[in-house]
């Protein structure tokens, strides 16, 4: 897993534009009122890059029921760097902390989900993103999912 915990306008991160298709790019933000946002980058309409994710409410310590694609005006980019630069600039204005994680393996994803205690529908959505949208380097990806997550529902099979 690569961690980008610095200003991407001052130092180029170790990413490539193909990472959107081969890895999961996670944005972790903490708001001034201590709410936690954990988002992942998507191709919205196959053209624009956006962050989609969830928020853990500081007061209740609960995640929202489901993930959403954020509609903030900065949440759009033509490239990965464009989106990272826009989001980081906006978070800096707000006084929020931002760290990016480049998830390169299932182990990386599990570390992220366990670290932030991601559960429920968002947990399932992130696993789906890994198993169905990120090309796997090994042919046993489906078997791995069923062996690691035996309660996985066939409804998600495409």
Foldseek 3Di string as FASTA:
>chain_A
DDKAQDQCVVPPDPDDQCLQQAWWKWKWKAAPVGKIWIWTWHCDVVFKIFTKTWIQDPVVRHIPQEIGTDPDPLGTDRTPSSSSNSVVVVCVVRVMGMMMDTGRDPVSVVCVCVVSVPDDPRNVVVLCCVLPRHDDPDPCSVVVCCVVPVVDDPVSPD
